[in-house]
Amino acid sequence: MATHVLTTEGPRLAVISCAIRNTGSGWVLIDDDAHAPSGVSGVVQHADRLELTHAVGAVRVSSMQVTPDEYYSKNLVRCGVSVGLDRSVVYLYKGTSTVAVDPATLVASGGNLWITGLLELPLAAGGN
């Protein structure tokens, strides 16, 4: 798994990104000829949430978004994410419900969740 790092005039930022899918055997990272995760090493399915692991050495969270693709959007799937330095927890909801659904119940051969985030890294040697 590669981690892309943006070097700015300020802090260095790790790009956390991936697409995940459940075709019936549980949620997995899509890593093929057309998709490659950055900074994300795994996804663990729990009864009420998904847990993404991203141990990139972050010292601060900048941002993280989880976006349902067109299949899940038209089926009224919403996402919420709680972000940490080395893992993030994604909760999935249907329609207007305030109760998280079991991720195992959301199955689609072509439906994805897209994850994109930036995590601040420690300064590199030399100050950048």
N, C-alpha and C. Protein backbone atom coordinates (compact mmCIF):
# COMPACT_ATOMS: atom_id res chain seq x y z
N MET A 1 0.83 -1.17 0.00
CA MET A 1 0.00 0.00 0.00
C MET A 1 0.88 1.23 0.00
N ALA A 2 0.68 2.08 -0.95
CA ALA A 2 1.42 3.34 -1.02
C ALA A 2 0.67 4.40 -0.24
N THR A 3 1.42 5.36 0.28
CA THR A 3 0.81 6.54 0.88
C THR A 3 1.34 7.74 0.12
N HIS A 4 0.46 8.48 -0.48
CA HIS A 4 0.84 9.69 -1.17
C HIS A 4 0.96 10.81 -0.14
N VAL A 5 2.00 11.63 -0.26
CA VAL A 5 2.22 12.72 0.68
C VAL A 5 2.30 14.02 -0.10
N LEU A 6 1.47 14.99 0.33
CA LEU A 6 1.51 16.32 -0.26
C LEU A 6 2.46 17.16 0.58
N THR A 7 3.40 17.81 -0.06
CA THR A 7 4.32 18.69 0.64
C THR A 7 3.92 20.11 0.31
N THR A 8 3.61 20.87 1.35
CA THR A 8 3.14 22.24 1.18
C THR A 8 4.12 23.18 1.86
N GLU A 9 3.82 24.47 1.83
CA GLU A 9 4.66 25.41 2.57
C GLU A 9 4.43 25.28 4.07
N GLY A 10 3.35 24.61 4.43
CA GLY A 10 3.05 24.33 5.83
C GLY A 10 3.33 22.87 6.11
N PRO A 11 2.40 22.21 6.76
CA PRO A 11 2.62 20.80 7.13
C PRO A 11 2.57 19.86 5.93
N ARG A 12 3.22 18.70 6.10
CA ARG A 12 3.08 17.63 5.11
C ARG A 12 1.75 16.95 5.38
N LEU A 13 1.07 16.54 4.32
CA LEU A 13 -0.24 15.92 4.45
C LEU A 13 -0.25 14.55 3.79
N ALA A 14 -0.68 13.53 4.53
CA ALA A 14 -0.86 12.19 3.96
C ALA A 14 -2.23 12.15 3.31
N VAL A 15 -2.28 11.67 2.08
CA VAL A 15 -3.54 11.49 1.37
C VAL A 15 -4.09 10.12 1.74
N ILE A 16 -5.25 10.13 2.38
CA ILE A 16 -5.94 8.89 2.74
C ILE A 16 -7.09 8.75 1.75
N SER A 17 -7.03 7.71 0.92
CA SER A 17 -8.10 7.56 -0.06
C SER A 17 -8.24 6.10 -0.47
N CYS A 18 -9.49 5.74 -0.79
CA CYS A 18 -9.75 4.40 -1.28
C CYS A 18 -11.20 4.30 -1.70
N ALA A 19 -11.49 3.23 -2.40
CA ALA A 19 -12.87 2.84 -2.69
C ALA A 19 -13.07 1.49 -2.02
N ILE A 20 -14.23 1.30 -1.39
CA ILE A 20 -14.54 0.02 -0.75
C ILE A 20 -15.86 -0.50 -1.30
N ARG A 21 -15.99 -1.83 -1.28
CA ARG A 21 -17.15 -2.48 -1.89
C ARG A 21 -17.50 -3.75 -1.12
N ASN A 22 -18.80 -4.07 -1.11
CA ASN A 22 -19.28 -5.33 -0.54
C ASN A 22 -20.11 -6.04 -1.60
N THR A 23 -19.56 -7.09 -2.18
CA THR A 23 -20.29 -7.87 -3.19
C THR A 23 -21.00 -9.07 -2.57
N GLY A 24 -20.99 -9.15 -1.24
CA GLY A 24 -21.66 -10.24 -0.54
C GLY A 24 -20.79 -10.98 0.43
N SER A 25 -19.48 -10.76 0.36
CA SER A 25 -18.54 -11.44 1.25
C SER A 25 -17.92 -10.49 2.27
N GLY A 26 -18.50 -9.32 2.43
CA GLY A 26 -17.98 -8.32 3.36
C GLY A 26 -17.28 -7.19 2.62
N TRP A 27 -17.10 -6.09 3.31
CA TRP A 27 -16.49 -4.90 2.73
C TRP A 27 -14.98 -5.08 2.59
N VAL A 28 -14.46 -4.72 1.41
CA VAL A 28 -13.03 -4.83 1.12
C VAL A 28 -12.55 -3.60 0.38
N LEU A 29 -11.25 -3.34 0.49
CA LEU A 29 -10.62 -2.31 -0.32
C LEU A 29 -10.61 -2.76 -1.78
N ILE A 30 -10.91 -1.87 -2.69
CA ILE A 30 -10.76 -2.18 -4.10
C ILE A 30 -9.32 -1.83 -4.48
N ASP A 31 -8.57 -2.82 -4.91
CA ASP A 31 -7.17 -2.65 -5.28
C ASP A 31 -6.95 -3.50 -6.53
N ASP A 32 -7.08 -2.87 -7.69
CA ASP A 32 -6.98 -3.59 -8.95
C ASP A 32 -6.30 -2.70 -9.99
N ASP A 33 -6.44 -3.04 -11.26
CA ASP A 33 -5.79 -2.25 -12.31
C ASP A 33 -6.28 -0.81 -12.37
N ALA A 34 -7.51 -0.55 -11.91
CA ALA A 34 -8.09 0.78 -12.02
C ALA A 34 -8.21 1.51 -10.68
N HIS A 35 -7.96 0.84 -9.56
CA HIS A 35 -8.12 1.44 -8.24
C HIS A 35 -6.91 1.10 -7.36
N ALA A 36 -6.44 2.09 -6.59
CA ALA A 36 -5.34 1.84 -5.67
C ALA A 36 -5.54 2.68 -4.41
N PRO A 37 -5.65 2.05 -3.26
CA PRO A 37 -5.77 2.84 -2.03
C PRO A 37 -4.48 3.60 -1.73
N SER A 38 -4.63 4.71 -1.04
CA SER A 38 -3.48 5.50 -0.58
C SER A 38 -3.58 5.64 0.93
N GLY A 39 -2.63 5.06 1.64
CA GLY A 39 -2.57 5.21 3.09
C GLY A 39 -3.51 4.31 3.87
N VAL A 40 -4.44 3.65 3.21
CA VAL A 40 -5.40 2.79 3.90
C VAL A 40 -4.95 1.35 3.73
N SER A 41 -4.79 0.65 4.86
CA SER A 41 -4.28 -0.72 4.79
C SER A 41 -5.35 -1.78 4.97
N GLY A 42 -6.53 -1.39 5.44
CA GLY A 42 -7.56 -2.39 5.61
C GLY A 42 -8.90 -1.82 6.00
N VAL A 43 -9.92 -2.65 5.87
CA VAL A 43 -11.26 -2.31 6.31
C VAL A 43 -11.80 -3.51 7.10
N VAL A 44 -12.34 -3.24 8.28
CA VAL A 44 -12.90 -4.28 9.15
C VAL A 44 -14.39 -4.01 9.28
N GLN A 45 -15.18 -5.02 9.04
CA GLN A 45 -16.63 -4.90 9.12
C GLN A 45 -17.11 -5.32 10.51
N HIS A 46 -17.87 -4.46 11.16
CA HIS A 46 -18.50 -4.76 12.44
C HIS A 46 -20.01 -4.75 12.21
N ALA A 47 -20.78 -5.13 13.22
CA ALA A 47 -22.24 -5.21 13.09
C ALA A 47 -22.90 -3.84 12.89
N ASP A 48 -22.24 -2.77 13.31
CA ASP A 48 -22.85 -1.44 13.20
C ASP A 48 -21.95 -0.39 12.57
N ARG A 49 -20.80 -0.81 12.04
CA ARG A 49 -19.86 0.17 11.50
C ARG A 49 -18.78 -0.51 10.68
N LEU A 50 -18.05 0.30 9.94
CA LEU A 50 -16.84 -0.14 9.24
C LEU A 50 -15.66 0.59 9.86
N GLU A 51 -14.54 -0.09 10.00
CA GLU A 51 -13.34 0.51 10.56
C GLU A 51 -12.24 0.48 9.51
N LEU A 52 -11.71 1.65 9.18
CA LEU A 52 -10.61 1.78 8.23
C LEU A 52 -9.31 1.98 8.99
N THR A 53 -8.28 1.22 8.62
CA THR A 53 -6.98 1.40 9.25
C THR A 53 -6.08 2.21 8.32
N HIS A 54 -5.43 3.20 8.89
CA HIS A 54 -4.54 4.08 8.12
C HIS A 54 -3.41 4.58 9.01
N ALA A 55 -2.51 3.69 9.35
CA ALA A 55 -1.38 4.00 10.23
C ALA A 55 -0.26 4.65 9.42
N VAL A 56 -0.42 5.94 9.16
CA VAL A 56 0.56 6.66 8.33
C VAL A 56 1.47 7.57 9.16
N GLY A 57 1.31 7.53 10.49
CA GLY A 57 2.12 8.38 11.35
C GLY A 57 1.56 9.78 11.53
N ALA A 58 0.24 9.93 11.42
CA ALA A 58 -0.40 11.24 11.52
C ALA A 58 -0.29 11.81 12.93
N VAL A 59 -0.21 13.13 13.00
CA VAL A 59 -0.20 13.83 14.28
C VAL A 59 -1.45 14.70 14.45
N ARG A 60 -2.19 14.92 13.38
CA ARG A 60 -3.40 15.74 13.46
C ARG A 60 -4.30 15.40 12.27
N VAL A 61 -5.60 15.46 12.52
CA VAL A 61 -6.58 15.24 11.46
C VAL A 61 -6.88 16.57 10.78
N SER A 62 -6.86 16.56 9.47
CA SER A 62 -7.28 17.74 8.71
C SER A 62 -8.71 17.56 8.24
N SER A 63 -8.98 16.50 7.47
CA SER A 63 -10.34 16.29 6.97
C SER A 63 -10.50 14.85 6.52
N MET A 64 -11.76 14.42 6.43
CA MET A 64 -12.08 13.09 5.90
C MET A 64 -13.53 13.11 5.43
N GLN A 65 -13.76 12.58 4.25
CA GLN A 65 -15.11 12.45 3.72
C GLN A 65 -15.33 11.02 3.25
N VAL A 66 -16.55 10.56 3.43
CA VAL A 66 -16.98 9.28 2.88
C VAL A 66 -18.19 9.59 2.02
N THR A 67 -18.12 9.20 0.75
CA THR A 67 -19.17 9.53 -0.20
C THR A 67 -19.72 8.27 -0.84
N PRO A 68 -21.04 8.06 -0.75
CA PRO A 68 -21.63 6.94 -1.48
C PRO A 68 -21.64 7.24 -2.98
N ASP A 69 -21.41 6.22 -3.79
CA ASP A 69 -21.47 6.41 -5.24
C ASP A 69 -22.93 6.53 -5.68
N GLU A 70 -23.15 6.58 -6.98
CA GLU A 70 -24.51 6.78 -7.50
C GLU A 70 -25.46 5.65 -7.13
N TYR A 71 -24.97 4.41 -7.04
CA TYR A 71 -25.84 3.30 -6.66
C TYR A 71 -26.36 3.48 -5.24
N TYR A 72 -25.44 3.71 -4.30
CA TYR A 72 -25.86 3.86 -2.91
C TYR A 72 -26.60 5.17 -2.68
N SER A 73 -26.25 6.22 -3.41
CA SER A 73 -26.97 7.49 -3.27
C SER A 73 -28.44 7.34 -3.67
N LYS A 74 -28.68 6.67 -4.80
CA LYS A 74 -30.08 6.52 -5.23
C LYS A 74 -30.86 5.58 -4.32
N ASN A 75 -30.15 4.77 -3.52
CA ASN A 75 -30.78 3.89 -2.54
C ASN A 75 -30.75 4.50 -1.14
N LEU A 76 -30.53 5.80 -1.08
CA LEU A 76 -30.63 6.61 0.14
C LEU A 76 -29.68 6.20 1.26
N VAL A 77 -28.47 5.80 0.89
CA VAL A 77 -27.46 5.50 1.89
C VAL A 77 -26.71 6.79 2.23
N ARG A 78 -26.59 7.03 3.53
CA ARG A 78 -25.83 8.18 4.04
C ARG A 78 -24.68 7.66 4.88
N CYS A 79 -23.62 8.46 5.02
CA CYS A 79 -22.44 8.04 5.76
C CYS A 79 -22.05 9.11 6.77
N GLY A 80 -21.51 8.67 7.88
CA GLY A 80 -20.88 9.55 8.85
C GLY A 80 -19.56 8.93 9.26
N VAL A 81 -18.56 9.75 9.51
CA VAL A 81 -17.24 9.21 9.82
C VAL A 81 -16.68 9.88 11.07
N SER A 82 -16.09 9.07 11.93
CA SER A 82 -15.37 9.54 13.10
C SER A 82 -13.90 9.24 12.82
N VAL A 83 -13.08 10.29 12.77
CA VAL A 83 -11.70 10.15 12.28
C VAL A 83 -10.70 10.19 13.42
N GLY A 84 -9.75 9.27 13.38
CA GLY A 84 -8.65 9.24 14.32
C GLY A 84 -7.32 9.28 13.59
N LEU A 85 -6.25 9.27 14.32
CA LEU A 85 -4.92 9.37 13.72
C LEU A 85 -4.52 8.12 12.97
N ASP A 86 -4.96 6.93 13.43
CA ASP A 86 -4.57 5.69 12.75
C ASP A 86 -5.74 4.81 12.32
N ARG A 87 -6.95 5.25 12.62
CA ARG A 87 -8.13 4.52 12.15
C ARG A 87 -9.32 5.47 12.13
N SER A 88 -10.27 5.14 11.28
CA SER A 88 -11.50 5.92 11.19
C SER A 88 -12.67 4.95 11.20
N VAL A 89 -13.78 5.41 11.75
CA VAL A 89 -14.96 4.58 11.87
C VAL A 89 -16.06 5.20 11.02
N VAL A 90 -16.64 4.38 10.12
CA VAL A 90 -17.68 4.83 9.21
C VAL A 90 -19.00 4.21 9.63
N TYR A 91 -20.01 5.05 9.81
CA TYR A 91 -21.35 4.59 10.13
C TYR A 91 -22.22 4.82 8.90
N LEU A 92 -23.09 3.87 8.61
CA LEU A 92 -23.95 3.92 7.42
C LEU A 92 -25.41 3.97 7.85
N TYR A 93 -26.20 4.78 7.16
CA TYR A 93 -27.61 4.97 7.49
C TYR A 93 -28.43 4.88 6.21
N LYS A 94 -29.69 4.46 6.34
CA LYS A 94 -30.60 4.41 5.20
C LYS A 94 -31.71 5.43 5.41
N GLY A 95 -32.00 6.18 4.35
CA GLY A 95 -33.10 7.15 4.41
C GLY A 95 -32.91 8.15 5.52
N THR A 96 -33.96 8.36 6.31
CA THR A 96 -33.90 9.34 7.41
C THR A 96 -33.62 8.69 8.75
N SER A 97 -33.34 7.40 8.77
CA SER A 97 -33.08 6.69 10.02
C SER A 97 -31.87 7.28 10.75
N THR A 98 -31.96 7.30 12.07
CA THR A 98 -30.83 7.74 12.89
C THR A 98 -30.10 6.56 13.51
N VAL A 99 -30.49 5.35 13.13
CA VAL A 99 -29.86 4.13 13.62
C VAL A 99 -28.95 3.58 12.52
N ALA A 100 -27.70 3.36 12.86
CA ALA A 100 -26.75 2.82 11.87
C ALA A 100 -27.18 1.42 11.44
N VAL A 101 -27.05 1.15 10.14
CA VAL A 101 -27.39 -0.17 9.62
C VAL A 101 -26.18 -1.10 9.73
N ASP A 102 -26.43 -2.38 9.69
CA ASP A 102 -25.37 -3.38 9.63
C ASP A 102 -24.75 -3.29 8.24
N PRO A 103 -23.47 -2.95 8.12
CA PRO A 103 -22.85 -2.82 6.80
C PRO A 103 -22.96 -4.08 5.94
N ALA A 104 -23.08 -5.25 6.58
CA ALA A 104 -23.21 -6.50 5.82
C ALA A 104 -24.47 -6.53 4.99
N THR A 105 -25.47 -5.73 5.36
CA THR A 105 -26.75 -5.72 4.62
C THR A 105 -26.70 -4.86 3.37
N LEU A 106 -25.65 -4.09 3.19
CA LEU A 106 -25.49 -3.23 2.01
C LEU A 106 -24.58 -3.93 1.01
N VAL A 107 -25.19 -4.60 0.06
CA VAL A 107 -24.46 -5.43 -0.91
C VAL A 107 -24.77 -4.92 -2.31
N ALA A 108 -23.71 -4.77 -3.12
CA ALA A 108 -23.89 -4.36 -4.52
C ALA A 108 -22.66 -4.76 -5.31
N SER A 109 -22.87 -5.35 -6.46
CA SER A 109 -21.74 -5.77 -7.29
C SER A 109 -20.93 -4.60 -7.81
N GLY A 110 -21.56 -3.44 -7.96
CA GLY A 110 -20.84 -2.28 -8.48
C GLY A 110 -20.95 -1.06 -7.61
N GLY A 111 -21.55 -1.19 -6.42
CA GLY A 111 -21.70 -0.04 -5.52
C GLY A 111 -20.47 0.15 -4.66
N ASN A 112 -20.03 1.39 -4.54
CA ASN A 112 -18.82 1.71 -3.78
C ASN A 112 -19.07 2.80 -2.78
N LEU A 113 -18.22 2.86 -1.78
CA LEU A 113 -18.07 4.05 -0.95
C LEU A 113 -16.69 4.60 -1.25
N TRP A 114 -16.61 5.90 -1.44
CA TRP A 114 -15.35 6.58 -1.74
C TRP A 114 -14.89 7.33 -0.51
N ILE A 115 -13.65 7.11 -0.10
CA ILE A 115 -13.09 7.74 1.09
C ILE A 115 -11.93 8.63 0.65
N THR A 116 -11.94 9.87 1.12
CA THR A 116 -10.85 10.80 0.83
C THR A 116 -10.59 11.65 2.06
N GLY A 117 -9.31 11.72 2.45
CA GLY A 117 -8.98 12.55 3.59
C GLY A 117 -7.54 13.01 3.57
N LEU A 118 -7.26 13.95 4.44
CA LEU A 118 -5.91 14.48 4.61
C LEU A 118 -5.57 14.43 6.08
N LEU A 119 -4.42 13.85 6.40
CA LEU A 119 -3.94 13.79 7.77
C LEU A 119 -2.57 14.46 7.83
N GLU A 120 -2.39 15.32 8.82
CA GLU A 120 -1.12 16.04 8.97
C GLU A 120 -0.06 15.10 9.51
N LEU A 121 1.12 15.17 8.91
CA LEU A 121 2.27 14.35 9.31
C LEU A 121 3.26 15.22 10.09
N PRO A 122 4.15 14.58 10.86
CA PRO A 122 5.19 15.37 11.54
C PRO A 122 6.09 16.03 10.51
N LEU A 123 6.75 17.09 10.94
CA LEU A 123 7.69 17.75 10.03
C LEU A 123 8.81 16.78 9.66
N ALA A 124 9.20 16.82 8.41
CA ALA A 124 10.31 15.99 7.94
C ALA A 124 11.62 16.61 8.40
N ALA A 125 12.66 15.84 8.33
CA ALA A 125 14.00 16.37 8.64
C ALA A 125 14.25 17.57 7.75
N GLY A 126 14.73 18.64 8.32
CA GLY A 126 14.95 19.85 7.54
C GLY A 126 13.81 20.85 7.66
N GLY A 127 12.74 20.46 8.40
CA GLY A 127 11.67 21.41 8.68
C GLY A 127 10.45 21.34 7.81
N ASN A 128 10.41 20.50 6.76
CA ASN A 128 9.21 20.42 5.90
C ASN A 128 8.50 19.12 6.08
